Amino acid sequence: MSVRNVRAKFFVSEVRHVGTPATDPFAVVTLLPVFSTYGDGKANESWSKHTPSGKIEMNITNPNAIDAFDVGKAYFVDFTPVEGA
């Protein structure tokens, strides 16, 4: 089987900071797929009809990684199979 990569475009719907003051940072970052009416509109229309819904939720404790996600901003997500798995 040939290796197939899949690229998706998701936007951050929520960054929820969890925990108590004076503890290690912890946030739950939720991403939802970009759809035809998001941002640049028509540019998303052709592919979003094939992936109309989904959700990625990550629990992050790295402060730099938490700061890398901005609510409302879109990000590409690349899915690449792991060799030998």
Foldseek 3Di string as FASTA:
>chain_A
DDWDKDKFKWAWADWAWDDDPPDQTKTKTKIWGDEQCQDVRPVRDPPCVVVVTDMDIDIDRDPVVSVVHDHSDMDMDMDTDDPPD
